[in-house]
Amino acid sequence: MILIVTMFLLVGAMLFSLIRLIIGPTIWDRLLALNLISAKTILLIALYAVYTERPVLLDISLSAGIIGFLTITLFARFIIAGGRSN
């Protein structure tokens, strides 16, 4: 029961992060919101893996974490570099 409530709270927190992603005043606020959504997605997958007792979902959660970290790092480097350069 507690796992289900926690999953619903994570989805609610993801919705608040999505609002910040849409209306964020700066690009850094949007990047932080994207990072929060990525982290909460990883937590949601891990909680679902515990709830359904499927350990293979933990591997998927770990892979999503690595992809999320690399994506946020590359976006930050892209923004710092000033965007596309020809």
PDB file of N, CA and C in Angstrom:
ATOM      1  N   MET A   1       0.821  -1.196   0.000  1.00  0.00           N
ATOM      2  CA  MET A   1       0.000   0.000   0.000  1.00  0.00           C
ATOM      3  C   MET A   1       0.864   1.259   0.000  1.00  0.00           C
ATOM      4  N   ILE A   2       1.935   1.222   0.814  1.00  0.00           N
ATOM      5  CA  ILE A   2       2.808   2.401   0.878  1.00  0.00           C
ATOM      6  C   ILE A   2       3.537   2.611  -0.440  1.00  0.00           C
ATOM      7  N   LEU A   3       3.881   1.528  -1.140  1.00  0.00           N
ATOM      8  CA  LEU A   3       4.559   1.671  -2.427  1.00  0.00           C
ATOM      9  C   LEU A   3       3.652   2.343  -3.455  1.00  0.00           C
ATOM     10  N   ILE A   4       2.384   2.006  -3.443  1.00  0.00           N
ATOM     11  CA  ILE A   4       1.440   2.617  -4.387  1.00  0.00           C
ATOM     12  C   ILE A   4       1.290   4.107  -4.102  1.00  0.00           C
ATOM     13  N   VAL A   5       1.172   4.466  -2.836  1.00  0.00           N
ATOM     14  CA  VAL A   5       1.057   5.883  -2.464  1.00  0.00           C
ATOM     15  C   VAL A   5       2.321   6.637  -2.869  1.00  0.00           C
ATOM     16  N   THR A   6       3.469   6.022  -2.651  1.00  0.00           N
ATOM     17  CA  THR A   6       4.732   6.658  -3.023  1.00  0.00           C
ATOM     18  C   THR A   6       4.827   6.847  -4.533  1.00  0.00           C
ATOM     19  N   MET A   7       4.360   5.857  -5.302  1.00  0.00           N
ATOM     20  CA  MET A   7       4.380   6.003  -6.760  1.00  0.00           C
ATOM     21  C   MET A   7       3.467   7.138  -7.219  1.00  0.00           C
ATOM     22  N   PHE A   8       2.294   7.273  -6.595  1.00  0.00           N
ATOM     23  CA  PHE A   8       1.401   8.378  -6.951  1.00  0.00           C
ATOM     24  C   PHE A   8       2.010   9.729  -6.574  1.00  0.00           C
ATOM     25  N   LEU A   9       2.680   9.798  -5.438  1.00  0.00           N
ATOM     26  CA  LEU A   9       3.341  11.043  -5.052  1.00  0.00           C
ATOM     27  C   LEU A   9       4.475  11.390  -6.015  1.00  0.00           C
ATOM     28  N   LEU A  10       5.191  10.384  -6.481  1.00  0.00           N
ATOM     29  CA  LEU A  10       6.252  10.644  -7.468  1.00  0.00           C
ATOM     30  C   LEU A  10       5.678  11.164  -8.775  1.00  0.00           C
ATOM     31  N   VAL A  11       4.560  10.604  -9.198  1.00  0.00           N
ATOM     32  CA  VAL A  11       3.927  11.091 -10.430  1.00  0.00           C
ATOM     33  C   VAL A  11       3.469  12.536 -10.246  1.00  0.00           C
ATOM     34  N   GLY A  12       2.925  12.858  -9.069  1.00  0.00           N
ATOM     35  CA  GLY A  12       2.542  14.240  -8.786  1.00  0.00           C
ATOM     36  C   GLY A  12       3.738  15.183  -8.802  1.00  0.00           C
ATOM     37  N   ALA A  13       4.834  14.749  -8.223  1.00  0.00           N
ATOM     38  CA  ALA A  13       6.054  15.563  -8.242  1.00  0.00           C
ATOM     39  C   ALA A  13       6.583  15.729  -9.665  1.00  0.00           C
ATOM     40  N   MET A  14       6.410  14.687 -10.482  1.00  0.00           N
ATOM     41  CA  MET A  14       6.831  14.793 -11.880  1.00  0.00           C
ATOM     42  C   MET A  14       5.968  15.809 -12.630  1.00  0.00           C
ATOM     43  N   LEU A  15       4.702  15.888 -12.303  1.00  0.00           N
ATOM     44  CA  LEU A  15       3.833  16.880 -12.935  1.00  0.00           C
ATOM     45  C   LEU A  15       4.257  18.301 -12.558  1.00  0.00           C
ATOM     46  N   PHE A  16       4.620  18.514 -11.285  1.00  0.00           N
ATOM     47  CA  PHE A  16       5.122  19.828 -10.882  1.00  0.00           C
ATOM     48  C   PHE A  16       6.434  20.155 -11.593  1.00  0.00           C
ATOM     49  N   SER A  17       7.276  19.167 -11.780  1.00  0.00           N
ATOM     50  CA  SER A  17       8.529  19.389 -12.508  1.00  0.00           C
ATOM     51  C   SER A  17       8.253  19.689 -13.981  1.00  0.00           C
ATOM     52  N   LEU A  18       7.226  19.066 -14.530  1.00  0.00           N
ATOM     53  CA  LEU A  18       6.848  19.347 -15.919  1.00  0.00           C
ATOM     54  C   LEU A  18       6.366  20.784 -16.070  1.00  0.00           C
ATOM     55  N   ILE A  19       5.641  21.275 -15.076  1.00  0.00           N
ATOM     56  CA  ILE A  19       5.207  22.677 -15.112  1.00  0.00           C
ATOM     57  C   ILE A  19       6.419  23.599 -15.075  1.00  0.00           C
ATOM     58  N   ARG A  20       7.402  23.268 -14.237  1.00  0.00           N
ATOM     59  CA  ARG A  20       8.621  24.073 -14.175  1.00  0.00           C
ATOM     60  C   ARG A  20       9.389  23.995 -15.494  1.00  0.00           C
ATOM     61  N   LEU A  21       9.337  22.839 -16.137  1.00  0.00           N
ATOM     62  CA  LEU A  21      10.004  22.676 -17.424  1.00  0.00           C
ATOM     63  C   LEU A  21       9.360  23.575 -18.475  1.00  0.00           C
ATOM     64  N   ILE A  22       8.057  23.717 -18.422  1.00  0.00           N
ATOM     65  CA  ILE A  22       7.353  24.507 -19.422  1.00  0.00           C
ATOM     66  C   ILE A  22       7.500  26.001 -19.176  1.00  0.00           C
ATOM     67  N   ILE A  23       7.349  26.445 -17.912  1.00  0.00           N
ATOM     68  CA  ILE A  23       7.339  27.885 -17.642  1.00  0.00           C
ATOM     69  C   ILE A  23       8.623  28.404 -17.021  1.00  0.00           C
ATOM     70  N   GLY A  24       9.658  27.575 -16.964  1.00  0.00           N
ATOM     71  CA  GLY A  24      10.908  28.005 -16.332  1.00  0.00           C
ATOM     72  C   GLY A  24      11.432  29.285 -16.954  1.00  0.00           C
ATOM     73  N   PRO A  25      11.779  30.272 -16.138  1.00  0.00           N
ATOM     74  CA  PRO A  25      12.210  31.547 -16.722  1.00  0.00           C
ATOM     75  C   PRO A  25      13.562  31.471 -17.439  1.00  0.00           C
ATOM     76  N   THR A  26      14.447  30.579 -17.011  1.00  0.00           N
ATOM     77  CA  THR A  26      15.747  30.479 -17.676  1.00  0.00           C
ATOM     78  C   THR A  26      15.937  29.057 -18.200  1.00  0.00           C
ATOM     79  N   ILE A  27      16.909  28.924 -19.055  1.00  0.00           N
ATOM     80  CA  ILE A  27      17.215  27.610 -19.616  1.00  0.00           C
ATOM     81  C   ILE A  27      17.749  26.676 -18.529  1.00  0.00           C
ATOM     82  N   TRP A  28      18.408  27.238 -17.515  1.00  0.00           N
ATOM     83  CA  TRP A  28      18.955  26.413 -16.436  1.00  0.00           C
ATOM     84  C   TRP A  28      17.841  25.850 -15.560  1.00  0.00           C
ATOM     85  N   ASP A  29      16.764  26.622 -15.382  1.00  0.00           N
ATOM     86  CA  ASP A  29      15.602  26.085 -14.655  1.00  0.00           C
ATOM     87  C   ASP A  29      14.975  24.933 -15.420  1.00  0.00           C
ATOM     88  N   ARG A  30      14.911  25.072 -16.730  1.00  0.00           N
ATOM     89  CA  ARG A  30      14.350  24.003 -17.553  1.00  0.00           C
ATOM     90  C   ARG A  30      15.238  22.758 -17.521  1.00  0.00           C
ATOM     91  N   LEU A  31      16.542  22.961 -17.534  1.00  0.00           N
ATOM     92  CA  LEU A  31      17.464  21.831 -17.470  1.00  0.00           C
ATOM     93  C   LEU A  31      17.376  21.124 -16.118  1.00  0.00           C
ATOM     94  N   LEU A  32      17.238  21.883 -15.050  1.00  0.00           N
ATOM     95  CA  LEU A  32      17.083  21.296 -13.731  1.00  0.00           C
ATOM     96  C   LEU A  32      15.771  20.505 -13.634  1.00  0.00           C
ATOM     97  N   ALA A  33      14.702  21.042 -14.217  1.00  0.00           N
ATOM     98  CA  ALA A  33      13.424  20.329 -14.221  1.00  0.00           C
ATOM     99  C   ALA A  33      13.533  19.035 -15.017  1.00  0.00           C
ATOM    100  N   LEU A  34      14.248  19.062 -16.124  1.00  0.00           N
ATOM    101  CA  LEU A  34      14.451  17.845 -16.907  1.00  0.00           C
ATOM    102  C   LEU A  34      15.237  16.808 -16.116  1.00  0.00           C
ATOM    103  N   ASN A  35      16.227  17.265 -15.359  1.00  0.00           N
ATOM    104  CA  ASN A  35      17.003  16.367 -14.504  1.00  0.00           C
ATOM    105  C   ASN A  35      16.126  15.774 -13.395  1.00  0.00           C
ATOM    106  N   LEU A  36      15.255  16.579 -12.822  1.00  0.00           N
ATOM    107  CA  LEU A  36      14.334  16.080 -11.792  1.00  0.00           C
ATOM    108  C   LEU A  36      13.373  15.041 -12.354  1.00  0.00           C
ATOM    109  N   ILE A  37      12.858  15.283 -13.542  1.00  0.00           N
ATOM    110  CA  ILE A  37      11.953  14.320 -14.173  1.00  0.00           C
ATOM    111  C   ILE A  37      12.690  13.011 -14.442  1.00  0.00           C
ATOM    112  N   SER A  38      13.925  13.110 -14.880  1.00  0.00           N
ATOM    113  CA  SER A  38      14.726  11.916 -15.135  1.00  0.00           C
ATOM    114  C   SER A  38      14.958  11.124 -13.844  1.00  0.00           C
ATOM    115  N   ALA A  39      15.317  11.813 -12.770  1.00  0.00           N
ATOM    116  CA  ALA A  39      15.574  11.139 -11.497  1.00  0.00           C
ATOM    117  C   ALA A  39      14.299  10.503 -10.937  1.00  0.00           C
ATOM    118  N   LYS A  40      13.190  11.203 -11.064  1.00  0.00           N
ATOM    119  CA  LYS A  40      11.930  10.657 -10.555  1.00  0.00           C
ATOM    120  C   LYS A  40      11.445   9.485 -11.391  1.00  0.00           C
ATOM    121  N   THR A  41      11.743   9.495 -12.665  1.00  0.00           N
ATOM    122  CA  THR A  41      11.401   8.349 -13.511  1.00  0.00           C
ATOM    123  C   THR A  41      12.194   7.117 -13.084  1.00  0.00           C
ATOM    124  N   ILE A  42      13.455   7.313 -12.765  1.00  0.00           N
ATOM    125  CA  ILE A  42      14.288   6.210 -12.290  1.00  0.00           C
ATOM    126  C   ILE A  42      13.731   5.655 -10.979  1.00  0.00           C
ATOM    127  N   LEU A  43      13.360   6.549 -10.077  1.00  0.00           N
ATOM    128  CA  LEU A  43      12.776   6.105  -8.814  1.00  0.00           C
ATOM    129  C   LEU A  43      11.453   5.372  -9.028  1.00  0.00           C
ATOM    130  N   LEU A  44      10.649   5.862  -9.952  1.00  0.00           N
ATOM    131  CA  LEU A  44       9.366   5.224 -10.230  1.00  0.00           C
ATOM    132  C   LEU A  44       9.551   3.823 -10.790  1.00  0.00           C
ATOM    133  N   ILE A  45      10.500   3.654 -11.688  1.00  0.00           N
ATOM    134  CA  ILE A  45      10.775   2.321 -12.242  1.00  0.00           C
ATOM    135  C   ILE A  45      11.289   1.384 -11.146  1.00  0.00           C
ATOM    136  N   ALA A  46      12.159   1.902 -10.281  1.00  0.00           N
ATOM    137  CA  ALA A  46      12.698   1.068  -9.202  1.00  0.00           C
ATOM    138  C   ALA A  46      11.602   0.667  -8.216  1.00  0.00           C
ATOM    139  N   LEU A  47      10.725   1.590  -7.869  1.00  0.00           N
ATOM    140  CA  LEU A  47       9.620   1.251  -6.975  1.00  0.00           C
ATOM    141  C   LEU A  47       8.679   0.237  -7.611  1.00  0.00           C
ATOM    142  N   TYR A  48       8.427   0.392  -8.891  1.00  0.00           N
ATOM    143  CA  TYR A  48       7.564  -0.561  -9.587  1.00  0.00           C
ATOM    144  C   TYR A  48       8.216  -1.943  -9.634  1.00  0.00           C
ATOM    145  N   ALA A  49       9.533  -1.976  -9.764  1.00  0.00           N
ATOM    146  CA  ALA A  49      10.249  -3.253  -9.756  1.00  0.00           C
ATOM    147  C   ALA A  49      10.108  -3.951  -8.409  1.00  0.00           C
ATOM    148  N   VAL A  50      10.174  -3.191  -7.338  1.00  0.00           N
ATOM    149  CA  VAL A  50       9.998  -3.772  -6.006  1.00  0.00           C
ATOM    150  C   VAL A  50       8.554  -4.229  -5.816  1.00  0.00           C
ATOM    151  N   TYR A  51       7.622  -3.422  -6.290  1.00  0.00           N
ATOM    152  CA  TYR A  51       6.200  -3.741  -6.126  1.00  0.00           C
ATOM    153  C   TYR A  51       5.803  -5.013  -6.873  1.00  0.00           C
ATOM    154  N   THR A  52       6.311  -5.172  -8.102  1.00  0.00           N
ATOM    155  CA  THR A  52       5.960  -6.345  -8.908  1.00  0.00           C
ATOM    156  C   THR A  52       6.935  -7.497  -8.735  1.00  0.00           C
ATOM    157  N   GLU A  53       7.993  -7.283  -7.953  1.00  0.00           N
ATOM    158  CA  GLU A  53       9.023  -8.293  -7.710  1.00  0.00           C
ATOM    159  C   GLU A  53       9.669  -8.785  -9.009  1.00  0.00           C
ATOM    160  N   ARG A  54      10.007  -7.838  -9.870  1.00  0.00           N
ATOM    161  CA  ARG A  54      10.721  -8.120 -11.116  1.00  0.00           C
ATOM    162  C   ARG A  54      12.092  -7.436 -11.064  1.00  0.00           C
ATOM    163  N   PRO A  55      13.125  -8.176 -10.759  1.00  0.00           N
ATOM    164  CA  PRO A  55      14.451  -7.540 -10.645  1.00  0.00           C
ATOM    165  C   PRO A  55      15.018  -7.033 -11.969  1.00  0.00           C
ATOM    166  N   VAL A  56      14.488  -7.513 -13.098  1.00  0.00           N
ATOM    167  CA  VAL A  56      15.002  -7.042 -14.383  1.00  0.00           C
ATOM    168  C   VAL A  56      14.694  -5.553 -14.586  1.00  0.00           C
ATOM    169  N   LEU A  57      13.641  -5.060 -13.945  1.00  0.00           N
ATOM    170  CA  LEU A  57      13.314  -3.639 -14.059  1.00  0.00           C
ATOM    171  C   LEU A  57      14.350  -2.763 -13.362  1.00  0.00           C
ATOM    172  N   LEU A  58      15.057  -3.307 -12.392  1.00  0.00           N
ATOM    173  CA  LEU A  58      16.122  -2.540 -11.752  1.00  0.00           C
ATOM    174  C   LEU A  58      17.279  -2.295 -12.719  1.00  0.00           C
ATOM    175  N   ASP A  59      17.539  -3.251 -13.600  1.00  0.00           N
ATOM    176  CA  ASP A  59      18.553  -3.041 -14.634  1.00  0.00           C
ATOM    177  C   ASP A  59      18.112  -1.946 -15.605  1.00  0.00           C
ATOM    178  N   ILE A  60      16.842  -1.943 -15.929  1.00  0.00           N
ATOM    179  CA  ILE A  60      16.306  -0.902 -16.811  1.00  0.00           C
ATOM    180  C   ILE A  60      16.406   0.459 -16.124  1.00  0.00           C
ATOM    181  N   SER A  61      16.132   0.492 -14.826  1.00  0.00           N
ATOM    182  CA  SER A  61      16.243   1.734 -14.063  1.00  0.00           C
ATOM    183  C   SER A  61      17.680   2.241 -14.049  1.00  0.00           C
ATOM    184  N   LEU A  62      18.629   1.337 -13.892  1.00  0.00           N
ATOM    185  CA  LEU A  62      20.036   1.718 -13.907  1.00  0.00           C
ATOM    186  C   LEU A  62      20.446   2.257 -15.275  1.00  0.00           C
ATOM    187  N   SER A  63      19.977   1.615 -16.324  1.00  0.00           N
ATOM    188  CA  SER A  63      20.269   2.095 -17.684  1.00  0.00           C
ATOM    189  C   SER A  63      19.655   3.462 -17.928  1.00  0.00           C
ATOM    190  N   ALA A  64      18.434   3.667 -17.448  1.00  0.00           N
ATOM    191  CA  ALA A  64      17.800   4.978 -17.595  1.00  0.00           C
ATOM    192  C   ALA A  64      18.572   6.045 -16.834  1.00  0.00           C
ATOM    193  N   GLY A  65      19.124   5.683 -15.691  1.00  0.00           N
ATOM    194  CA  GLY A  65      19.929   6.635 -14.928  1.00  0.00           C
ATOM    195  C   GLY A  65      21.185   7.055 -15.665  1.00  0.00           C
ATOM    196  N   ILE A  66      21.844   6.100 -16.280  1.00  0.00           N
ATOM    197  CA  ILE A  66      23.055   6.419 -17.041  1.00  0.00           C
ATOM    198  C   ILE A  66      22.721   7.299 -18.238  1.00  0.00           C
ATOM    199  N   ILE A  67      21.658   6.949 -18.945  1.00  0.00           N
ATOM    200  CA  ILE A  67      21.248   7.748 -20.109  1.00  0.00           C
ATOM    201  C   ILE A  67      20.829   9.149 -19.677  1.00  0.00           C
ATOM    202  N   GLY A  68      20.096   9.253 -18.560  1.00  0.00           N
ATOM    203  CA  GLY A  68      19.682  10.563 -18.061  1.00  0.00           C
ATOM    204  C   GLY A  68      20.870  11.425 -17.671  1.00  0.00           C
ATOM    205  N   PHE A  69      21.852  10.831 -17.009  1.00  0.00           N
ATOM    206  CA  PHE A  69      23.045  11.584 -16.622  1.00  0.00           C
ATOM    207  C   PHE A  69      23.793  12.094 -17.842  1.00  0.00           C
ATOM    208  N   LEU A  70      23.982  11.225 -18.818  1.00  0.00           N
ATOM    209  CA  LEU A  70      24.693  11.643 -20.028  1.00  0.00           C
ATOM    210  C   LEU A  70      23.930  12.718 -20.795  1.00  0.00           C
ATOM    211  N   THR A  71      22.624  12.595 -20.849  1.00  0.00           N
ATOM    212  CA  THR A  71      21.810  13.578 -21.561  1.00  0.00           C
ATOM    213  C   THR A  71      21.904  14.949 -20.904  1.00  0.00           C
ATOM    214  N   ILE A  72      21.767  14.995 -19.599  1.00  0.00           N
ATOM    215  CA  ILE A  72      21.830  16.275 -18.896  1.00  0.00           C
ATOM    216  C   ILE A  72      23.224  16.887 -19.027  1.00  0.00           C
ATOM    217  N   THR A  73      24.252  16.057 -18.951  1.00  0.00           N
ATOM    218  CA  THR A  73      25.620  16.561 -19.097  1.00  0.00           C
ATOM    219  C   THR A  73      25.852  17.143 -20.489  1.00  0.00           C
ATOM    220  N   LEU A  74      25.377  16.444 -21.506  1.00  0.00           N
ATOM    221  CA  LEU A  74      25.556  16.948 -22.873  1.00  0.00           C
ATOM    222  C   LEU A  74      24.744  18.213 -23.125  1.00  0.00           C
ATOM    223  N   PHE A  75      23.529  18.277 -22.599  1.00  0.00           N
ATOM    224  CA  PHE A  75      22.734  19.502 -22.739  1.00  0.00           C
ATOM    225  C   PHE A  75      23.425  20.678 -22.063  1.00  0.00           C
ATOM    226  N   ALA A  76      23.990  20.466 -20.881  1.00  0.00           N
ATOM    227  CA  ALA A  76      24.675  21.544 -20.166  1.00  0.00           C
ATOM    228  C   ALA A  76      25.898  22.020 -20.943  1.00  0.00           C
ATOM    229  N   ARG A  77      26.649  21.078 -21.488  1.00  0.00           N
ATOM    230  CA  ARG A  77      27.824  21.473 -22.285  1.00  0.00           C
ATOM    231  C   ARG A  77      27.404  22.228 -23.540  1.00  0.00           C
ATOM    232  N   PHE A  78      26.293  21.813 -24.141  1.00  0.00           N
ATOM    233  CA  PHE A  78      25.771  22.479 -25.335  1.00  0.00           C
ATOM    234  C   PHE A  78      25.350  23.911 -25.012  1.00  0.00           C
ATOM    235  N   ILE A  79      24.700  24.099 -23.865  1.00  0.00           N
ATOM    236  CA  ILE A  79      24.253  25.436 -23.485  1.00  0.00           C
ATOM    237  C   ILE A  79      25.436  26.322 -23.146  1.00  0.00           C
ATOM    238  N   ILE A  80      26.406  25.781 -22.423  1.00  0.00           N
ATOM    239  CA  ILE A  80      27.586  26.570 -22.066  1.00  0.00           C
ATOM    240  C   ILE A  80      28.366  26.975 -23.313  1.00  0.00           C
ATOM    241  N   ALA A  81      28.423  26.102 -24.306  1.00  0.00           N
ATOM    242  CA  ALA A  81      29.150  26.403 -25.542  1.00  0.00           C
ATOM    243  C   ALA A  81      28.434  27.456 -26.387  1.00  0.00           C
ATOM    244  N   GLY A  82      27.201  27.758 -26.062  1.00  0.00           N
ATOM    245  CA  GLY A  82      26.490  28.801 -26.797  1.00  0.00           C
ATOM    246  C   GLY A  82      25.641  28.269 -27.935  1.00  0.00           C
ATOM    247  N   GLY A  83      25.345  27.017 -27.937  1.00  0.00           N
ATOM    248  CA  GLY A  83      24.496  26.452 -28.989  1.00  0.00           C
ATOM    249  C   GLY A  83      25.298  25.913 -30.141  1.00  0.00           C
ATOM    250  N   ARG A  84      24.632  25.807 -31.257  1.00  0.00           N
ATOM    251  CA  ARG A  84      25.292  25.257 -32.452  1.00  0.00           C
ATOM    252  C   ARG A  84      26.315  26.212 -33.003  1.00  0.00           C
ATOM    253  N   SER A  85      27.431  25.674 -33.398  1.00  0.00           N
ATOM    254  CA  SER A  85      28.435  26.494 -34.081  1.00  0.00           C
ATOM    255  C   SER A  85      28.730  25.869 -35.430  1.00  0.00           C
ATOM    256  N   ASN A  86      28.786  26.675 -36.438  1.00  0.00           N
ATOM    257  CA  ASN A  86      29.018  26.171 -37.801  1.00  0.00           C
ATOM    258  C   ASN A  86      30.448  26.255 -38.190  1.00  0.00           C
TER     259      ASN A  86
END
